[in-house]
Amino acid sequence: MKRLLQIFTTSLLGLVSISGFSQDTCQVLIPELEGFYEGKCKNGLANGNGHAKGTDEYQGKFKNGLPHGAGKYIWSTGETYDGNWRYGKKDGKGTYTILINEKDSVTNGIWENDRFVQ
C-alpha cells in the first residue's frame, strides 16, 4: 500500500508539472493589465509577443514587463491606441481613438513619451 501511494504521488506531481502549474508567473508591470497574461517571458517579466488583460487590455510586444514595440492598448473606457510603444508609453507612429458624443474621434500621428506631437 505504501508503494502504491508513492507511485500515485509521483504520477500526480508529474501531471501537475506537465499541465503548467509549476511554471513561474510572468509579470506585467502596469497594474491595469494585471490578471491574465499569455505570451513570452524573460526573467519573470513579459517579454516579446504577448496578451495581457486586467481592467485594460494590451496585445503586442513587451519588454521588461512593459508594452514596447508595436501593439494595441484598449482602456476600460473604450479608448484605444494602436501603434508603437516605448517602455509603457505611446511613442512613435500610432492611432488613438476615443468615443465623443457617440462618434469615434481619431488622432493619427507621432507620439513622444505619451504625448501627441504631430
PDB file of N, CA and C in Angstrom:
ATOM      1  N   MET A   1       0.827  -1.195   0.000  1.00  0.00           N
ATOM      2  CA  MET A   1       0.000   0.000   0.000  1.00  0.00           C
ATOM      3  C   MET A   1       0.872   1.261   0.000  1.00  0.00           C
ATOM      4  N   LYS A   2       1.938   1.237   0.779  1.00  0.00           N
ATOM      5  CA  LYS A   2       2.838   2.378   0.832  1.00  0.00           C
ATOM      6  C   LYS A   2       3.459   2.639  -0.544  1.00  0.00           C
ATOM      7  N   ARG A   3       3.858   1.573  -1.222  1.00  0.00           N
ATOM      8  CA  ARG A   3       4.461   1.683  -2.551  1.00  0.00           C
ATOM      9  C   ARG A   3       3.441   2.249  -3.557  1.00  0.00           C
ATOM     10  N   LEU A   4       2.208   1.820  -3.472  1.00  0.00           N
ATOM     11  CA  LEU A   4       1.147   2.310  -4.340  1.00  0.00           C
ATOM     12  C   LEU A   4       0.918   3.806  -4.125  1.00  0.00           C
ATOM     13  N   LEU A   5       0.952   4.243  -2.882  1.00  0.00           N
ATOM     14  CA  LEU A   5       0.800   5.662  -2.554  1.00  0.00           C
ATOM     15  C   LEU A   5       1.954   6.484  -3.135  1.00  0.00           C
ATOM     16  N   GLN A   6       3.186   5.953  -3.092  1.00  0.00           N
ATOM     17  CA  GLN A   6       4.347   6.633  -3.667  1.00  0.00           C
ATOM     18  C   GLN A   6       4.190   6.777  -5.186  1.00  0.00           C
ATOM     19  N   ILE A   7       3.748   5.730  -5.844  1.00  0.00           N
ATOM     20  CA  ILE A   7       3.554   5.769  -7.298  1.00  0.00           C
ATOM     21  C   ILE A   7       2.475   6.794  -7.655  1.00  0.00           C
ATOM     22  N   PHE A   8       1.381   6.797  -6.915  1.00  0.00           N
ATOM     23  CA  PHE A   8       0.299   7.736  -7.158  1.00  0.00           C
ATOM     24  C   PHE A   8       0.777   9.183  -6.983  1.00  0.00           C
ATOM     25  N   THR A   9       1.497   9.458  -5.905  1.00  0.00           N
ATOM     26  CA  THR A   9       2.001  10.803  -5.618  1.00  0.00           C
ATOM     27  C   THR A   9       2.967  11.262  -6.706  1.00  0.00           C
ATOM     28  N   THR A  10       3.874  10.385  -7.127  1.00  0.00           N
ATOM     29  CA  THR A  10       4.833  10.715  -8.182  1.00  0.00           C
ATOM     30  C   THR A  10       4.107  11.000  -9.491  1.00  0.00           C
ATOM     31  N   SER A  11       3.114  10.196  -9.822  1.00  0.00           N
ATOM     32  CA  SER A  11       2.341  10.403 -11.049  1.00  0.00           C
ATOM     33  C   SER A  11       1.587  11.728 -11.000  1.00  0.00           C
ATOM     34  N   LEU A  12       0.995  12.030  -9.852  1.00  0.00           N
ATOM     35  CA  LEU A  12       0.253  13.272  -9.694  1.00  0.00           C
ATOM     36  C   LEU A  12       1.177  14.478  -9.847  1.00  0.00           C
ATOM     37  N   LEU A  13       2.356  14.447  -9.261  1.00  0.00           N
ATOM     38  CA  LEU A  13       3.319  15.537  -9.403  1.00  0.00           C
ATOM     39  C   LEU A  13       3.733  15.706 -10.856  1.00  0.00           C
ATOM     40  N   GLY A  14       3.898  14.618 -11.579  1.00  0.00           N
ATOM     41  CA  GLY A  14       4.247  14.679 -12.994  1.00  0.00           C
ATOM     42  C   GLY A  14       3.157  15.346 -13.808  1.00  0.00           C
ATOM     43  N   LEU A  15       1.901  15.014 -13.518  1.00  0.00           N
ATOM     44  CA  LEU A  15       0.782  15.633 -14.227  1.00  0.00           C
ATOM     45  C   LEU A  15       0.697  17.123 -13.934  1.00  0.00           C
ATOM     46  N   VAL A  16       0.932  17.513 -12.689  1.00  0.00           N
ATOM     47  CA  VAL A  16       0.886  18.922 -12.317  1.00  0.00           C
ATOM     48  C   VAL A  16       1.955  19.691 -13.075  1.00  0.00           C
ATOM     49  N   SER A  17       3.161  19.148 -13.187  1.00  0.00           N
ATOM     50  CA  SER A  17       4.219  19.872 -13.884  1.00  0.00           C
ATOM     51  C   SER A  17       3.952  19.926 -15.386  1.00  0.00           C
ATOM     52  N   ILE A  18       3.346  18.900 -15.972  1.00  0.00           N
ATOM     53  CA  ILE A  18       3.017  18.900 -17.397  1.00  0.00           C
ATOM     54  C   ILE A  18       1.922  19.918 -17.689  1.00  0.00           C
ATOM     55  N   SER A  19       0.959  20.057 -16.797  1.00  0.00           N
ATOM     56  CA  SER A  19      -0.166  20.954 -17.045  1.00  0.00           C
ATOM     57  C   SER A  19       0.203  22.420 -16.911  1.00  0.00           C
ATOM     58  N   GLY A  20       1.374  22.729 -16.393  1.00  0.00           N
ATOM     59  CA  GLY A  20       1.811  24.114 -16.329  1.00  0.00           C
ATOM     60  C   GLY A  20       1.706  24.747 -14.957  1.00  0.00           C
ATOM     61  N   PHE A  21       1.182  24.038 -13.963  1.00  0.00           N
ATOM     62  CA  PHE A  21       1.053  24.617 -12.640  1.00  0.00           C
ATOM     63  C   PHE A  21       2.401  24.924 -12.004  1.00  0.00           C
ATOM     64  N   SER A  22       3.455  24.280 -12.465  1.00  0.00           N
ATOM     65  CA  SER A  22       4.755  24.501 -11.863  1.00  0.00           C
ATOM     66  C   SER A  22       5.503  25.667 -12.497  1.00  0.00           C
ATOM     67  N   GLN A  23       4.942  26.275 -13.558  1.00  0.00           N
ATOM     68  CA  GLN A  23       5.629  27.366 -14.217  1.00  0.00           C
ATOM     69  C   GLN A  23       5.646  28.600 -13.333  1.00  0.00           C
ATOM     70  N   ASP A  24       6.728  29.372 -13.447  1.00  0.00           N
ATOM     71  CA  ASP A  24       6.798  30.649 -12.755  1.00  0.00           C
ATOM     72  C   ASP A  24       5.827  31.609 -13.420  1.00  0.00           C
ATOM     73  N   THR A  25       5.312  32.558 -12.647  1.00  0.00           N
ATOM     74  CA  THR A  25       4.411  33.537 -13.232  1.00  0.00           C
ATOM     75  C   THR A  25       5.209  34.571 -14.025  1.00  0.00           C
ATOM     76  N   CYS A  26       4.557  35.166 -14.981  1.00  0.00           N
ATOM     77  CA  CYS A  26       5.173  36.168 -15.825  1.00  0.00           C
ATOM     78  C   CYS A  26       4.466  37.481 -15.538  1.00  0.00           C
ATOM     79  N   GLN A  27       5.169  38.478 -15.043  1.00  0.00           N
ATOM     80  CA  GLN A  27       4.573  39.712 -14.571  1.00  0.00           C
ATOM     81  C   GLN A  27       4.523  40.799 -15.636  1.00  0.00           C
ATOM     82  N   VAL A  28       3.413  41.534 -15.634  1.00  0.00           N
ATOM     83  CA  VAL A  28       3.233  42.736 -16.439  1.00  0.00           C
ATOM     84  C   VAL A  28       3.242  43.888 -15.435  1.00  0.00           C
ATOM     85  N   LEU A  29       4.017  44.935 -15.693  1.00  0.00           N
ATOM     86  CA  LEU A  29       4.252  45.986 -14.705  1.00  0.00           C
ATOM     87  C   LEU A  29       3.279  47.166 -14.739  1.00  0.00           C
ATOM     88  N   ILE A  30       2.196  47.040 -15.475  1.00  0.00           N
ATOM     89  CA  ILE A  30       1.151  48.064 -15.480  1.00  0.00           C
ATOM     90  C   ILE A  30      -0.039  47.481 -14.718  1.00  0.00           C
ATOM     91  N   PRO A  31      -0.399  48.075 -13.563  1.00  0.00           N
ATOM     92  CA  PRO A  31      -1.462  47.496 -12.718  1.00  0.00           C
ATOM     93  C   PRO A  31      -2.765  47.229 -13.458  1.00  0.00           C
ATOM     94  N   GLU A  32      -3.144  48.085 -14.403  1.00  0.00           N
ATOM     95  CA  GLU A  32      -4.405  47.907 -15.129  1.00  0.00           C
ATOM     96  C   GLU A  32      -4.376  46.720 -16.086  1.00  0.00           C
ATOM     97  N   LEU A  33      -3.201  46.155 -16.324  1.00  0.00           N
ATOM     98  CA  LEU A  33      -3.073  44.985 -17.201  1.00  0.00           C
ATOM     99  C   LEU A  33      -2.847  43.695 -16.416  1.00  0.00           C
ATOM    100  N   GLU A  34      -2.791  43.780 -15.091  1.00  0.00           N
ATOM    101  CA  GLU A  34      -2.566  42.591 -14.273  1.00  0.00           C
ATOM    102  C   GLU A  34      -3.818  41.727 -14.213  1.00  0.00           C
ATOM    103  N   GLY A  35      -3.623  40.433 -14.182  1.00  0.00           N
ATOM    104  CA  GLY A  35      -4.714  39.484 -14.073  1.00  0.00           C
ATOM    105  C   GLY A  35      -4.493  38.290 -14.973  1.00  0.00           C
ATOM    106  N   PHE A  36      -4.385  38.538 -16.268  1.00  0.00           N
ATOM    107  CA  PHE A  36      -4.180  37.479 -17.244  1.00  0.00           C
ATOM    108  C   PHE A  36      -3.012  37.873 -18.135  1.00  0.00           C
ATOM    109  N   TYR A  37      -2.102  36.934 -18.364  1.00  0.00           N
ATOM    110  CA  TYR A  37      -1.033  37.155 -19.337  1.00  0.00           C
ATOM    111  C   TYR A  37      -0.754  35.847 -20.054  1.00  0.00           C
ATOM    112  N   GLU A  38      -0.656  35.947 -21.377  1.00  0.00           N
ATOM    113  CA  GLU A  38      -0.270  34.807 -22.201  1.00  0.00           C
ATOM    114  C   GLU A  38       0.766  35.310 -23.189  1.00  0.00           C
ATOM    115  N   GLY A  39       1.924  34.686 -23.187  1.00  0.00           N
ATOM    116  CA  GLY A  39       2.949  35.100 -24.124  1.00  0.00           C
ATOM    117  C   GLY A  39       4.336  34.779 -23.628  1.00  0.00           C
ATOM    118  N   LYS A  40       5.305  35.398 -24.269  1.00  0.00           N
ATOM    119  CA  LYS A  40       6.697  35.132 -23.948  1.00  0.00           C
ATOM    120  C   LYS A  40       7.089  35.832 -22.654  1.00  0.00           C
ATOM    121  N   CYS A  41       8.074  35.233 -22.002  1.00  0.00           N
ATOM    122  CA  CYS A  41       8.504  35.700 -20.702  1.00  0.00           C
ATOM    123  C   CYS A  41      10.022  35.602 -20.596  1.00  0.00           C
ATOM    124  N   LYS A  42      10.635  36.555 -19.902  1.00  0.00           N
ATOM    125  CA  LYS A  42      12.077  36.517 -19.664  1.00  0.00           C
ATOM    126  C   LYS A  42      12.334  37.051 -18.263  1.00  0.00           C
ATOM    127  N   ASN A  43      13.014  36.274 -17.461  1.00  0.00           N
ATOM    128  CA  ASN A  43      13.342  36.672 -16.083  1.00  0.00           C
ATOM    129  C   ASN A  43      12.103  37.074 -15.286  1.00  0.00           C
ATOM    130  N   GLY A  44      10.988  36.373 -15.497  1.00  0.00           N
ATOM    131  CA  GLY A  44       9.765  36.624 -14.746  1.00  0.00           C
ATOM    132  C   GLY A  44       8.934  37.807 -15.227  1.00  0.00           C
ATOM    133  N   LEU A  45       9.355  38.447 -16.327  1.00  0.00           N
ATOM    134  CA  LEU A  45       8.621  39.598 -16.863  1.00  0.00           C
ATOM    135  C   LEU A  45       8.162  39.325 -18.293  1.00  0.00           C
ATOM    136  N   ALA A  46       7.011  39.892 -18.655  1.00  0.00           N
ATOM    137  CA  ALA A  46       6.518  39.788 -20.030  1.00  0.00           C
ATOM    138  C   ALA A  46       7.588  40.341 -20.964  1.00  0.00           C
ATOM    139  N   ASN A  47       7.924  39.570 -22.000  1.00  0.00           N
ATOM    140  CA  ASN A  47       8.993  39.964 -22.910  1.00  0.00           C
ATOM    141  C   ASN A  47       8.768  39.282 -24.255  1.00  0.00           C
ATOM    142  N   GLY A  48       8.572  40.067 -25.321  1.00  0.00           N
ATOM    143  CA  GLY A  48       8.249  39.504 -26.630  1.00  0.00           C
ATOM    144  C   GLY A  48       6.763  39.667 -26.888  1.00  0.00           C
ATOM    145  N   ASN A  49       6.219  38.887 -27.802  1.00  0.00           N
ATOM    146  CA  ASN A  49       4.788  38.970 -28.120  1.00  0.00           C
ATOM    147  C   ASN A  49       3.960  38.440 -26.966  1.00  0.00           C
ATOM    148  N   GLY A  50       2.867  39.160 -26.649  1.00  0.00           N
ATOM    149  CA  GLY A  50       2.011  38.709 -25.568  1.00  0.00           C
ATOM    150  C   GLY A  50       0.666  39.400 -25.558  1.00  0.00           C
ATOM    151  N   HIS A  51      -0.187  38.902 -24.668  1.00  0.00           N
ATOM    152  CA  HIS A  51      -1.534  39.434 -24.489  1.00  0.00           C
ATOM    153  C   HIS A  51      -1.781  39.531 -22.991  1.00  0.00           C
ATOM    154  N   ALA A  52      -2.082  40.740 -22.526  1.00  0.00           N
ATOM    155  CA  ALA A  52      -2.352  40.959 -21.101  1.00  0.00           C
ATOM    156  C   ALA A  52      -3.737  41.571 -20.945  1.00  0.00           C
ATOM    157  N   LYS A  53      -4.424  41.147 -19.878  1.00  0.00           N
ATOM    158  CA  LYS A  53      -5.762  41.683 -19.645  1.00  0.00           C
ATOM    159  C   LYS A  53      -6.026  41.785 -18.155  1.00  0.00           C
ATOM    160  N   GLY A  54      -6.404  42.975 -17.748  1.00  0.00           N
ATOM    161  CA  GLY A  54      -6.866  43.259 -16.391  1.00  0.00           C
ATOM    162  C   GLY A  54      -8.114  44.097 -16.570  1.00  0.00           C
ATOM    163  N   THR A  55      -8.139  45.307 -15.986  1.00  0.00           N
ATOM    164  CA  THR A  55      -9.253  46.225 -16.281  1.00  0.00           C
ATOM    165  C   THR A  55      -9.077  46.784 -17.690  1.00  0.00           C
ATOM    166  N   ASP A  56      -7.820  46.898 -18.159  1.00  0.00           N
ATOM    167  CA  ASP A  56      -7.494  47.278 -19.536  1.00  0.00           C
ATOM    168  C   ASP A  56      -6.938  46.052 -20.253  1.00  0.00           C
ATOM    169  N   GLU A  57      -6.674  46.186 -21.555  1.00  0.00           N
ATOM    170  CA  GLU A  57      -6.169  45.050 -22.330  1.00  0.00           C
ATOM    171  C   GLU A  57      -5.098  45.532 -23.309  1.00  0.00           C
ATOM    172  N   TYR A  58      -4.063  44.708 -23.505  1.00  0.00           N
ATOM    173  CA  TYR A  58      -2.994  45.032 -24.444  1.00  0.00           C
ATOM    174  C   TYR A  58      -2.575  43.768 -25.180  1.00  0.00           C
ATOM    175  N   GLN A  59      -2.399  43.905 -26.490  1.00  0.00           N
ATOM    176  CA  GLN A  59      -1.909  42.810 -27.331  1.00  0.00           C
ATOM    177  C   GLN A  59      -0.770  43.378 -28.164  1.00  0.00           C
ATOM    178  N   GLY A  60       0.411  42.778 -28.032  1.00  0.00           N
ATOM    179  CA  GLY A  60       1.543  43.248 -28.811  1.00  0.00           C
ATOM    180  C   GLY A  60       2.866  42.867 -28.181  1.00  0.00           C
ATOM    181  N   LYS A  61       3.864  43.677 -28.435  1.00  0.00           N
ATOM    182  CA  LYS A  61       5.216  43.414 -27.944  1.00  0.00           C
ATOM    183  C   LYS A  61       5.400  43.981 -26.539  1.00  0.00           C
ATOM    184  N   PHE A  62       6.174  43.234 -25.741  1.00  0.00           N
ATOM    185  CA  PHE A  62       6.547  43.656 -24.395  1.00  0.00           C
ATOM    186  C   PHE A  62       8.066  43.647 -24.275  1.00  0.00           C
ATOM    187  N   LYS A  63       8.572  44.464 -23.360  1.00  0.00           N
ATOM    188  CA  LYS A  63       9.980  44.426 -22.989  1.00  0.00           C
ATOM    189  C   LYS A  63      10.062  44.738 -21.504  1.00  0.00           C
ATOM    190  N   ASN A  64      10.677  43.841 -20.755  1.00  0.00           N
ATOM    191  CA  ASN A  64      10.837  44.022 -19.303  1.00  0.00           C
ATOM    192  C   ASN A  64       9.519  44.337 -18.595  1.00  0.00           C
ATOM    193  N   GLY A  65       8.434  43.647 -19.013  1.00  0.00           N
ATOM    194  CA  GLY A  65       7.141  43.788 -18.352  1.00  0.00           C
ATOM    195  C   GLY A  65       6.281  44.953 -18.808  1.00  0.00           C
ATOM    196  N   LEU A  66       6.756  45.723 -19.801  1.00  0.00           N
ATOM    197  CA  LEU A  66       6.016  46.894 -20.277  1.00  0.00           C
ATOM    198  C   LEU A  66       5.754  46.806 -21.778  1.00  0.00           C
ATOM    199  N   PRO A  67       4.644  47.405 -22.269  1.00  0.00           N
ATOM    200  CA  PRO A  67       4.449  47.485 -23.715  1.00  0.00           C
ATOM    201  C   PRO A  67       5.641  48.196 -24.358  1.00  0.00           C
ATOM    202  N   HIS A  68       6.204  47.579 -25.390  1.00  0.00           N
ATOM    203  CA  HIS A  68       7.402  48.136 -26.028  1.00  0.00           C
ATOM    204  C   HIS A  68       7.491  47.558 -27.435  1.00  0.00           C
ATOM    205  N   GLY A  69       7.283  48.409 -28.443  1.00  0.00           N
ATOM    206  CA  GLY A  69       7.204  47.950 -29.828  1.00  0.00           C
ATOM    207  C   GLY A  69       5.779  48.143 -30.314  1.00  0.00           C
ATOM    208  N   ALA A  70       5.399  47.415 -31.336  1.00  0.00           N
ATOM    209  CA  ALA A  70       4.054  47.543 -31.915  1.00  0.00           C
ATOM    210  C   ALA A  70       3.029  46.830 -31.047  1.00  0.00           C
ATOM    211  N   GLY A  71       1.891  47.513 -30.803  1.00  0.00           N
ATOM    212  CA  GLY A  71       0.834  46.878 -30.030  1.00  0.00           C
ATOM    213  C   GLY A  71      -0.412  47.729 -29.948  1.00  0.00           C
ATOM    214  N   LYS A  72      -1.487  47.095 -29.489  1.00  0.00           N
ATOM    215  CA  LYS A  72      -2.768  47.783 -29.337  1.00  0.00           C
ATOM    216  C   LYS A  72      -3.207  47.712 -27.879  1.00  0.00           C
ATOM    217  N   TYR A  73      -3.508  48.873 -27.318  1.00  0.00           N
ATOM    218  CA  TYR A  73      -3.975  49.000 -25.932  1.00  0.00           C
ATOM    219  C   TYR A  73      -5.432  49.424 -25.964  1.00  0.00           C
ATOM    220  N   ILE A  74      -6.257  48.754 -25.163  1.00  0.00           N
ATOM    221  CA  ILE A  74      -7.677  49.096 -25.050  1.00  0.00           C
ATOM    222  C   ILE A  74      -7.963  49.416 -23.584  1.00  0.00           C
ATOM    223  N   TRP A  75      -8.330  50.669 -23.308  1.00  0.00           N
ATOM    224  CA  TRP A  75      -8.664  51.075 -21.957  1.00  0.00           C
ATOM    225  C   TRP A  75     -10.074  50.621 -21.605  1.00  0.00           C
ATOM    226  N   SER A  76     -10.366  50.503 -20.319  1.00  0.00           N
ATOM    227  CA  SER A  76     -11.692  50.080 -19.857  1.00  0.00           C
ATOM    228  C   SER A  76     -12.769  51.070 -20.283  1.00  0.00           C
ATOM    229  N   THR A  77     -12.387  52.290 -20.604  1.00  0.00           N
ATOM    230  CA  THR A  77     -13.324  53.332 -21.052  1.00  0.00           C
ATOM    231  C   THR A  77     -13.691  53.189 -22.523  1.00  0.00           C
ATOM    232  N   GLY A  78     -12.981  52.296 -23.247  1.00  0.00           N
ATOM    233  CA  GLY A  78     -13.235  52.092 -24.666  1.00  0.00           C
ATOM    234  C   GLY A  78     -12.238  52.789 -25.573  1.00  0.00           C
ATOM    235  N   GLU A  79     -11.406  53.660 -25.022  1.00  0.00           N
ATOM    236  CA  GLU A  79     -10.370  54.323 -25.819  1.00  0.00           C
ATOM    237  C   GLU A  79      -9.364  53.270 -26.289  1.00  0.00           C
ATOM    238  N   THR A  80      -8.757  53.507 -27.453  1.00  0.00           N
ATOM    239  CA  THR A  80      -7.739  52.585 -27.954  1.00  0.00           C
ATOM    240  C   THR A  80      -6.543  53.361 -28.498  1.00  0.00           C
ATOM    241  N   TYR A  81      -5.390  52.737 -28.431  1.00  0.00           N
ATOM    242  CA  TYR A  81      -4.196  53.247 -29.109  1.00  0.00           C
ATOM    243  C   TYR A  81      -3.559  52.052 -29.798  1.00  0.00           C
ATOM    244  N   ASP A  82      -3.384  52.166 -31.095  1.00  0.00           N
ATOM    245  CA  ASP A  82      -2.775  51.111 -31.906  1.00  0.00           C
ATOM    246  C   ASP A  82      -1.553  51.720 -32.574  1.00  0.00           C
ATOM    247  N   GLY A  83      -0.386  51.304 -32.127  1.00  0.00           N
ATOM    248  CA  GLY A  83       0.827  51.888 -32.674  1.00  0.00           C
ATOM    249  C   GLY A  83       2.060  51.446 -31.906  1.00  0.00           C
ATOM    250  N   ASN A  84       3.049  52.317 -31.900  1.00  0.00           N
ATOM    251  CA  ASN A  84       4.325  51.995 -31.259  1.00  0.00           C
ATOM    252  C   ASN A  84       4.362  52.449 -29.805  1.00  0.00           C
ATOM    253  N   TRP A  85       5.048  51.647 -29.006  1.00  0.00           N
ATOM    254  CA  TRP A  85       5.201  51.876 -27.571  1.00  0.00           C
ATOM    255  C   TRP A  85       6.682  51.866 -27.220  1.00  0.00           C
ATOM    256  N   ARG A  86       7.017  52.597 -26.179  1.00  0.00           N
ATOM    257  CA  ARG A  86       8.376  52.577 -25.657  1.00  0.00           C
ATOM    258  C   ARG A  86       8.282  52.603 -24.133  1.00  0.00           C
ATOM    259  N   TYR A  87       8.692  51.503 -23.524  1.00  0.00           N
ATOM    260  CA  TYR A  87       8.671  51.361 -22.059  1.00  0.00           C
ATOM    261  C   TYR A  87       7.342  51.787 -21.438  1.00  0.00           C
ATOM    262  N   GLY A  88       6.228  51.305 -22.020  1.00  0.00           N
ATOM    263  CA  GLY A  88       4.902  51.516 -21.457  1.00  0.00           C
ATOM    264  C   GLY A  88       4.234  52.830 -21.830  1.00  0.00           C
ATOM    265  N   LYS A  89       4.864  53.611 -22.717  1.00  0.00           N
ATOM    266  CA  LYS A  89       4.288  54.892 -23.136  1.00  0.00           C
ATOM    267  C   LYS A  89       4.144  54.936 -24.652  1.00  0.00           C
ATOM    268  N   LYS A  90       3.093  55.640 -25.122  1.00  0.00           N
ATOM    269  CA  LYS A  90       2.910  55.823 -26.562  1.00  0.00           C
ATOM    270  C   LYS A  90       4.134  56.561 -27.090  1.00  0.00           C
ATOM    271  N   ASP A  91       4.762  56.008 -28.126  1.00  0.00           N
ATOM    272  CA  ASP A  91       5.987  56.615 -28.634  1.00  0.00           C
ATOM    273  C   ASP A  91       6.226  56.130 -30.062  1.00  0.00           C
ATOM    274  N   GLY A  92       6.097  57.040 -31.024  1.00  0.00           N
ATOM    275  CA  GLY A  92       6.240  56.687 -32.432  1.00  0.00           C
ATOM    276  C   GLY A  92       4.915  56.877 -33.140  1.00  0.00           C
ATOM    277  N   LYS A  93       4.785  56.263 -34.294  1.00  0.00           N
ATOM    278  CA  LYS A  93       3.579  56.393 -35.102  1.00  0.00           C
ATOM    279  C   LYS A  93       2.448  55.569 -34.491  1.00  0.00           C
ATOM    280  N   GLY A  94       1.241  56.192 -34.429  1.00  0.00           N
ATOM    281  CA  GLY A  94       0.113  55.463 -33.875  1.00  0.00           C
ATOM    282  C   GLY A  94      -1.215  56.151 -34.107  1.00  0.00           C
ATOM    283  N   THR A  95      -2.289  55.433 -33.787  1.00  0.00           N
ATOM    284  CA  THR A  95      -3.655  55.923 -33.931  1.00  0.00           C
ATOM    285  C   THR A  95      -4.379  55.799 -32.595  1.00  0.00           C
ATOM    286  N   TYR A  96      -4.856  56.917 -32.099  1.00  0.00           N
ATOM    287  CA  TYR A  96      -5.604  56.975 -30.846  1.00  0.00           C
ATOM    288  C   TYR A  96      -7.064  57.233 -31.184  1.00  0.00           C
ATOM    289  N   THR A  97      -7.964  56.419 -30.624  1.00  0.00           N
ATOM    290  CA  THR A  97      -9.394  56.548 -30.911  1.00  0.00           C
ATOM    291  C   THR A  97     -10.159  56.656 -29.600  1.00  0.00           C
ATOM    292  N   ILE A  98     -11.060  57.632 -29.550  1.00  0.00           N
ATOM    293  CA  ILE A  98     -11.919  57.836 -28.380  1.00  0.00           C
ATOM    294  C   ILE A  98     -13.337  58.131 -28.877  1.00  0.00           C
ATOM    295  N   LEU A  99     -14.322  57.697 -28.128  1.00  0.00           N
ATOM    296  CA  LEU A  99     -15.719  57.949 -28.474  1.00  0.00           C
ATOM    297  C   LEU A  99     -16.157  59.279 -27.845  1.00  0.00           C
ATOM    298  N   ILE A 100     -16.565  60.227 -28.689  1.00  0.00           N
ATOM    299  CA  ILE A 100     -17.056  61.530 -28.225  1.00  0.00           C
ATOM    300  C   ILE A 100     -18.425  61.755 -28.854  1.00  0.00           C
ATOM    301  N   ASN A 101     -19.424  61.994 -28.016  1.00  0.00           N
ATOM    302  CA  ASN A 101     -20.804  62.184 -28.485  1.00  0.00           C
ATOM    303  C   ASN A 101     -21.237  61.046 -29.407  1.00  0.00           C
ATOM    304  N   GLU A 102     -20.938  59.830 -29.013  1.00  0.00           N
ATOM    305  CA  GLU A 102     -21.301  58.607 -29.725  1.00  0.00           C
ATOM    306  C   GLU A 102     -20.673  58.494 -31.112  1.00  0.00           C
ATOM    307  N   LYS A 103     -19.583  59.240 -31.363  1.00  0.00           N
ATOM    308  CA  LYS A 103     -18.841  59.134 -32.616  1.00  0.00           C
ATOM    309  C   LYS A 103     -17.362  58.962 -32.304  1.00  0.00           C
ATOM    310  N   ASP A 104     -16.692  58.163 -33.134  1.00  0.00           N
ATOM    311  CA  ASP A 104     -15.259  57.982 -32.963  1.00  0.00           C
ATOM    312  C   ASP A 104     -14.510  59.255 -33.321  1.00  0.00           C
ATOM    313  N   SER A 105     -13.621  59.671 -32.456  1.00  0.00           N
ATOM    314  CA  SER A 105     -12.699  60.763 -32.734  1.00  0.00           C
ATOM    315  C   SER A 105     -11.324  60.116 -32.850  1.00  0.00           C
ATOM    316  N   VAL A 106     -10.696  60.251 -34.020  1.00  0.00           N
ATOM    317  CA  VAL A 106      -9.454  59.542 -34.311  1.00  0.00           C
ATOM    318  C   VAL A 106      -8.311  60.532 -34.483  1.00  0.00           C
ATOM    319  N   THR A 107      -7.200  60.245 -33.807  1.00  0.00           N
ATOM    320  CA  THR A 107      -5.990  61.049 -33.942  1.00  0.00           C
ATOM    321  C   THR A 107      -4.878  60.150 -34.446  1.00  0.00           C
ATOM    322  N   ASN A 108      -4.396  60.441 -35.657  1.00  0.00           N
ATOM    323  CA  ASN A 108      -3.263  59.716 -36.243  1.00  0.00           C
ATOM    324  C   ASN A 108      -2.040  60.607 -36.169  1.00  0.00           C
ATOM    325  N   GLY A 109      -0.895  60.012 -35.897  1.00  0.00           N
ATOM    326  CA  GLY A 109       0.305  60.826 -35.929  1.00  0.00           C
ATOM    327  C   GLY A 109       1.454  60.242 -35.141  1.00  0.00           C
ATOM    328  N   ILE A 110       2.309  61.155 -34.690  1.00  0.00           N
ATOM    329  CA  ILE A 110       3.523  60.776 -33.979  1.00  0.00           C
ATOM    330  C   ILE A 110       3.375  61.143 -32.502  1.00  0.00           C
ATOM    331  N   TRP A 111       3.793  60.218 -31.654  1.00  0.00           N
ATOM    332  CA  TRP A 111       3.734  60.392 -30.209  1.00  0.00           C
ATOM    333  C   TRP A 111       5.154  60.311 -29.657  1.00  0.00           C
ATOM    334  N   GLU A 112       5.428  61.095 -28.637  1.00  0.00           N
ATOM    335  CA  GLU A 112       6.703  61.025 -27.933  1.00  0.00           C
ATOM    336  C   GLU A 112       6.432  61.047 -26.449  1.00  0.00           C
ATOM    337  N   ASN A 113       6.950  60.050 -25.736  1.00  0.00           N
ATOM    338  CA  ASN A 113       6.817  59.987 -24.274  1.00  0.00           C
ATOM    339  C   ASN A 113       5.376  60.187 -23.824  1.00  0.00           C
ATOM    340  N   ASP A 114       4.431  59.520 -24.507  1.00  0.00           N
ATOM    341  CA  ASP A 114       2.997  59.512 -24.175  1.00  0.00           C
ATOM    342  C   ASP A 114       2.257  60.775 -24.607  1.00  0.00           C
ATOM    343  N   ARG A 115       2.899  61.671 -25.343  1.00  0.00           N
ATOM    344  CA  ARG A 115       2.249  62.915 -25.775  1.00  0.00           C
ATOM    345  C   ARG A 115       2.210  62.989 -27.295  1.00  0.00           C
ATOM    346  N   PHE A 116       1.069  63.471 -27.817  1.00  0.00           N
ATOM    347  CA  PHE A 116       0.915  63.661 -29.260  1.00  0.00           C
ATOM    348  C   PHE A 116       1.766  64.864 -29.687  1.00  0.00           C
ATOM    349  N   VAL A 117       2.610  64.694 -30.725  1.00  0.00           N
ATOM    350  CA  VAL A 117       3.457  65.799 -31.184  1.00  0.00           C
ATOM    351  C   VAL A 117       3.125  66.266 -32.591  1.00  0.00           C
ATOM    352  N   GLN A 118       2.604  65.400 -33.446  1.00  0.00           N
ATOM    353  CA  GLN A 118       2.209  65.822 -34.803  1.00  0.00           C
ATOM    354  C   GLN A 118       1.402  64.776 -35.518  1.00  0.00           C
TER     355      GLN A 118
END
